[in-house]
Amino acid sequence: MFVILLALWLVFAGSLTVTNLILGVLVAGLITLLCTKYMGYDTKRFYGGLKKAPAVAAYLGELLKEIVKENFDVLRFIYRKDQPKPMLVHFRGEVQSDPLRVLVANSITLTPGTYTVRLEGDEYAVHALDEYFQVDIEYSAFFKLAQKVEES
């Protein structure tokens, strides 16, 4: 936190002078000290979160890729004018933490053609527009990448 606050101070100061550097160190140090003492700030937790950044970036990249891919799949489905065969799929996910379970459920909902209807514990119920959209949904890359986020 100290390094980020100092960098922000120097950026907003507009010039790198000895006075700005000394004031920046004092202000960033004071804010970091106050946050540590009175707000329960933990530097290990902050820097531990930074270690997860590559795994989170990989997850977001996969999410964007799936959204684009599934948009084209839904468009193809619509233009074929086939009769949809909607399905409700029940399966278990291998993600341990509740926030990541919700993230996976929301990611499934964000991809066109699927919608997470229910999430109870590690059990998911997903509505799929057609059989095609439910194939191997329980082995989705979202679960593997969420596990990597948990492990990092």
C-alpha atoms as a PDB file:
ATOM      1  CA  MET A   1       0.000   0.000   0.000  1.00  0.00           C
ATOM      2  CA  PHE A   2       2.842   2.354   0.858  1.00  0.00           C
ATOM      3  CA  VAL A   3       4.426   1.996  -2.583  1.00  0.00           C
ATOM      4  CA  ILE A   4       1.120   2.578  -4.383  1.00  0.00           C
ATOM      5  CA  LEU A   5       0.313   5.650  -2.271  1.00  0.00           C
ATOM      6  CA  LEU A   6       3.787   7.063  -2.833  1.00  0.00           C
ATOM      7  CA  ALA A   7       3.512   6.500  -6.583  1.00  0.00           C
ATOM      8  CA  LEU A   8       0.115   8.217  -6.637  1.00  0.00           C
ATOM      9  CA  TRP A   9       1.527  11.132  -4.641  1.00  0.00           C
ATOM     10  CA  LEU A  10       4.360  11.582  -7.111  1.00  0.00           C
ATOM     11  CA  VAL A  11       2.047  11.340 -10.125  1.00  0.00           C
ATOM     12  CA  PHE A  12      -0.381  13.898  -8.712  1.00  0.00           C
ATOM     13  CA  ALA A  13       2.437  16.193  -7.557  1.00  0.00           C
ATOM     14  CA  GLY A  14       3.432  16.675 -11.179  1.00  0.00           C
ATOM     15  CA  SER A  15       7.170  16.916 -10.619  1.00  0.00           C
ATOM     16  CA  LEU A  16       9.846  14.828  -9.002  1.00  0.00           C
ATOM     17  CA  THR A  17      11.599  17.065  -6.501  1.00  0.00           C
ATOM     18  CA  VAL A  18      13.223  16.319  -3.177  1.00  0.00           C
ATOM     19  CA  THR A  19      10.429  18.171  -1.374  1.00  0.00           C
ATOM     20  CA  ASN A  20       7.702  16.178  -3.157  1.00  0.00           C
ATOM     21  CA  LEU A  21       9.540  12.931  -2.480  1.00  0.00           C
ATOM     22  CA  ILE A  22       9.966  13.666   1.253  1.00  0.00           C
ATOM     23  CA  LEU A  23       6.355  14.805   1.621  1.00  0.00           C
ATOM     24  CA  GLY A  24       5.182  11.757  -0.354  1.00  0.00           C
ATOM     25  CA  VAL A  25       7.106   9.361   1.881  1.00  0.00           C
ATOM     26  CA  LEU A  26       5.709  11.047   5.010  1.00  0.00           C
ATOM     27  CA  VAL A  27       2.082  11.118   3.798  1.00  0.00           C
ATOM     28  CA  ALA A  28       2.157   7.583   2.352  1.00  0.00           C
ATOM     29  CA  GLY A  29       3.807   6.291   5.529  1.00  0.00           C
ATOM     30  CA  LEU A  30       1.270   8.027   7.770  1.00  0.00           C
ATOM     31  CA  ILE A  31      -1.709   6.733   5.766  1.00  0.00           C
ATOM     32  CA  THR A  32      -0.279   3.212   5.723  1.00  0.00           C
ATOM     33  CA  LEU A  33       0.365   3.335   9.472  1.00  0.00           C
ATOM     34  CA  LEU A  34      -3.148   4.610  10.235  1.00  0.00           C
ATOM     35  CA  CYS A  35      -4.756   2.016   7.972  1.00  0.00           C
ATOM     36  CA  THR A  36      -2.723  -0.746   9.608  1.00  0.00           C
ATOM     37  CA  LYS A  37      -3.513   0.351  13.139  1.00  0.00           C
ATOM     38  CA  TYR A  38      -7.159   1.452  12.946  1.00  0.00           C
ATOM     39  CA  MET A  39      -8.667  -0.209   9.893  1.00  0.00           C
ATOM     40  CA  GLY A  40      -7.222  -3.707  10.134  1.00  0.00           C
ATOM     41  CA  TYR A  41      -5.187  -3.352   6.949  1.00  0.00           C
ATOM     42  CA  ASP A  42      -2.942  -6.361   6.387  1.00  0.00           C
ATOM     43  CA  THR A  43      -0.047  -6.078   3.943  1.00  0.00           C
ATOM     44  CA  LYS A  44       0.206  -9.874   3.571  1.00  0.00           C
ATOM     45  CA  ARG A  45      -3.423 -10.009   2.448  1.00  0.00           C
ATOM     46  CA  PHE A  46      -2.919  -7.180  -0.065  1.00  0.00           C
ATOM     47  CA  TYR A  47       0.196  -8.667  -1.627  1.00  0.00           C
ATOM     48  CA  GLY A  48      -1.390 -12.125  -1.527  1.00  0.00           C
ATOM     49  CA  GLY A  49      -4.169 -10.715  -3.691  1.00  0.00           C
ATOM     50  CA  LEU A  50      -1.593  -9.508  -6.198  1.00  0.00           C
ATOM     51  CA  LYS A  51      -0.335 -13.080  -6.546  1.00  0.00           C
ATOM     52  CA  LYS A  52      -3.794 -14.046  -7.822  1.00  0.00           C
ATOM     53  CA  ALA A  53      -3.750 -11.429 -10.592  1.00  0.00           C
ATOM     54  CA  PRO A  54      -2.476 -13.771 -13.372  1.00  0.00           C
ATOM     55  CA  ALA A  55      -5.106 -16.402 -12.510  1.00  0.00           C
ATOM     56  CA  VAL A  56      -7.852 -13.759 -12.425  1.00  0.00           C
ATOM     57  CA  ALA A  57      -6.671 -12.357 -15.775  1.00  0.00           C
ATOM     58  CA  ALA A  58      -6.780 -15.859 -17.284  1.00  0.00           C
ATOM     59  CA  TYR A  59     -10.318 -16.305 -15.944  1.00  0.00           C
ATOM     60  CA  LEU A  60     -11.482 -12.983 -17.404  1.00  0.00           C
ATOM     61  CA  GLY A  61      -9.855 -13.819 -20.738  1.00  0.00           C
ATOM     62  CA  GLU A  62     -11.682 -17.147 -20.852  1.00  0.00           C
ATOM     63  CA  LEU A  63     -14.950 -15.412 -19.958  1.00  0.00           C
ATOM     64  CA  LEU A  64     -14.583 -12.921 -22.812  1.00  0.00           C
ATOM     65  CA  LYS A  65     -13.641 -15.703 -25.232  1.00  0.00           C
ATOM     66  CA  GLU A  66     -16.690 -17.756 -24.241  1.00  0.00           C
ATOM     67  CA  ILE A  67     -19.048 -14.775 -24.511  1.00  0.00           C
ATOM     68  CA  VAL A  68     -17.901 -14.042 -28.073  1.00  0.00           C
ATOM     69  CA  LYS A  69     -17.935 -17.719 -29.106  1.00  0.00           C
ATOM     70  CA  GLU A  70     -21.383 -18.378 -27.648  1.00  0.00           C
ATOM     71  CA  ASN A  71     -22.801 -15.227 -29.269  1.00  0.00           C
ATOM     72  CA  PHE A  72     -21.897 -16.648 -32.666  1.00  0.00           C
ATOM     73  CA  ASP A  73     -23.289 -20.062 -31.694  1.00  0.00           C
ATOM     74  CA  VAL A  74     -26.623 -18.508 -30.683  1.00  0.00           C
ATOM     75  CA  LEU A  75     -26.743 -16.530 -33.938  1.00  0.00           C
ATOM     76  CA  ARG A  76     -26.102 -19.708 -35.939  1.00  0.00           C
ATOM     77  CA  PHE A  77     -28.817 -21.473 -33.975  1.00  0.00           C
ATOM     78  CA  ILE A  78     -31.297 -18.682 -34.659  1.00  0.00           C
ATOM     79  CA  TYR A  79     -30.573 -18.553 -38.388  1.00  0.00           C
ATOM     80  CA  ARG A  80     -30.857 -22.335 -38.787  1.00  0.00           C
ATOM     81  CA  LYS A  81     -34.426 -21.966 -37.528  1.00  0.00           C
ATOM     82  CA  ASP A  82     -34.298 -25.302 -35.724  1.00  0.00           C
ATOM     83  CA  GLN A  83     -36.755 -26.017 -32.982  1.00  0.00           C
ATOM     84  CA  PRO A  84     -35.022 -25.393 -29.661  1.00  0.00           C
ATOM     85  CA  LYS A  85     -34.830 -28.241 -27.187  1.00  0.00           C
ATOM     86  CA  PRO A  86     -34.374 -26.401 -23.888  1.00  0.00           C
ATOM     87  CA  MET A  87     -32.904 -28.351 -21.033  1.00  0.00           C
ATOM     88  CA  LEU A  88     -32.325 -27.946 -17.332  1.00  0.00           C
ATOM     89  CA  VAL A  89     -28.980 -29.443 -16.339  1.00  0.00           C
ATOM     90  CA  HIS A  90     -28.023 -30.293 -12.754  1.00  0.00           C
ATOM     91  CA  PHE A  91     -24.397 -30.866 -11.782  1.00  0.00           C
ATOM     92  CA  ARG A  92     -21.832 -30.295  -9.047  1.00  0.00           C
ATOM     93  CA  GLY A  93     -18.960 -27.827  -9.326  1.00  0.00           C
ATOM     94  CA  GLU A  94     -15.511 -28.396  -7.892  1.00  0.00           C
ATOM     95  CA  VAL A  95     -15.038 -24.886  -6.476  1.00  0.00           C
ATOM     96  CA  GLN A  96     -14.638 -24.544  -2.701  1.00  0.00           C
ATOM     97  CA  SER A  97     -15.206 -20.861  -1.861  1.00  0.00           C
ATOM     98  CA  ASP A  98     -18.651 -19.297  -2.051  1.00  0.00           C
ATOM     99  CA  PRO A  99     -17.564 -16.080  -3.833  1.00  0.00           C
ATOM    100  CA  LEU A 100     -15.924 -18.107  -6.598  1.00  0.00           C
ATOM    101  CA  ARG A 101     -18.986 -20.364  -6.890  1.00  0.00           C
ATOM    102  CA  VAL A 102     -21.117 -17.277  -7.431  1.00  0.00           C
ATOM    103  CA  LEU A 103     -18.566 -15.939  -9.929  1.00  0.00           C
ATOM    104  CA  VAL A 104     -18.778 -19.184 -11.936  1.00  0.00           C
ATOM    105  CA  ALA A 105     -22.592 -19.138 -11.791  1.00  0.00           C
ATOM    106  CA  ASN A 106     -22.652 -15.538 -13.028  1.00  0.00           C
ATOM    107  CA  SER A 107     -20.124 -16.367 -15.742  1.00  0.00           C
ATOM    108  CA  ILE A 108     -22.364 -19.173 -16.979  1.00  0.00           C
ATOM    109  CA  THR A 109     -25.277 -16.731 -17.033  1.00  0.00           C
ATOM    110  CA  LEU A 110     -23.237 -14.154 -18.968  1.00  0.00           C
ATOM    111  CA  THR A 111     -22.492 -16.602 -21.772  1.00  0.00           C
ATOM    112  CA  PRO A 112     -25.379 -16.623 -24.266  1.00  0.00           C
ATOM    113  CA  GLY A 113     -27.459 -19.781 -24.451  1.00  0.00           C
ATOM    114  CA  THR A 114     -27.135 -20.642 -20.756  1.00  0.00           C
ATOM    115  CA  TYR A 115     -28.610 -19.278 -17.564  1.00  0.00           C
ATOM    116  CA  THR A 116     -27.851 -20.340 -13.996  1.00  0.00           C
ATOM    117  CA  VAL A 117     -31.209 -20.958 -12.386  1.00  0.00           C
ATOM    118  CA  ARG A 118     -30.054 -22.124  -8.965  1.00  0.00           C
ATOM    119  CA  LEU A 119     -26.892 -22.468  -6.941  1.00  0.00           C
ATOM    120  CA  GLU A 120     -27.080 -24.310  -3.633  1.00  0.00           C
ATOM    121  CA  GLY A 121     -23.759 -25.213  -2.078  1.00  0.00           C
ATOM    122  CA  ASP A 122     -21.793 -26.774  -4.915  1.00  0.00           C
ATOM    123  CA  GLU A 123     -24.894 -27.853  -6.897  1.00  0.00           C
ATOM    124  CA  TYR A 124     -25.720 -25.872 -10.013  1.00  0.00           C
ATOM    125  CA  ALA A 125     -28.928 -25.896 -12.039  1.00  0.00           C
ATOM    126  CA  VAL A 126     -28.399 -24.366 -15.481  1.00  0.00           C
ATOM    127  CA  HIS A 127     -31.022 -23.772 -18.160  1.00  0.00           C
ATOM    128  CA  ALA A 128     -29.673 -24.269 -21.668  1.00  0.00           C
ATOM    129  CA  LEU A 129     -31.337 -22.890 -24.788  1.00  0.00           C
ATOM    130  CA  ASP A 130     -30.688 -26.162 -26.623  1.00  0.00           C
ATOM    131  CA  GLU A 131     -28.906 -29.484 -26.123  1.00  0.00           C
ATOM    132  CA  TYR A 132     -25.858 -28.033 -27.856  1.00  0.00           C
ATOM    133  CA  PHE A 133     -25.335 -25.398 -25.149  1.00  0.00           C
ATOM    134  CA  GLN A 134     -25.330 -27.874 -22.257  1.00  0.00           C
ATOM    135  CA  VAL A 135     -22.721 -30.267 -23.635  1.00  0.00           C
ATOM    136  CA  ASP A 136     -19.941 -30.655 -21.057  1.00  0.00           C
ATOM    137  CA  ILE A 137     -21.036 -27.563 -19.122  1.00  0.00           C
ATOM    138  CA  GLU A 138     -20.010 -29.232 -15.859  1.00  0.00           C
ATOM    139  CA  TYR A 139     -16.456 -29.536 -17.247  1.00  0.00           C
ATOM    140  CA  SER A 140     -16.334 -25.887 -18.254  1.00  0.00           C
ATOM    141  CA  ALA A 141     -13.032 -24.043 -18.187  1.00  0.00           C
ATOM    142  CA  PHE A 142     -14.625 -21.670 -15.672  1.00  0.00           C
ATOM    143  CA  PHE A 143     -14.364 -24.338 -12.973  1.00  0.00           C
ATOM    144  CA  LYS A 144     -10.730 -25.162 -13.737  1.00  0.00           C
ATOM    145  CA  LEU A 145      -9.711 -21.497 -13.785  1.00  0.00           C
ATOM    146  CA  ALA A 146     -11.667 -20.730 -10.597  1.00  0.00           C
ATOM    147  CA  GLN A 147      -9.769 -23.559  -8.899  1.00  0.00           C
ATOM    148  CA  LYS A 148      -6.502 -21.965 -10.034  1.00  0.00           C
ATOM    149  CA  VAL A 149      -7.626 -18.662  -8.492  1.00  0.00           C
ATOM    150  CA  GLU A 150      -8.335 -20.522  -5.230  1.00  0.00           C
ATOM    151  CA  GLU A 151      -4.946 -22.242  -5.270  1.00  0.00           C
ATOM    152  CA  SER A 152      -2.914 -19.092  -5.934  1.00  0.00           C
END
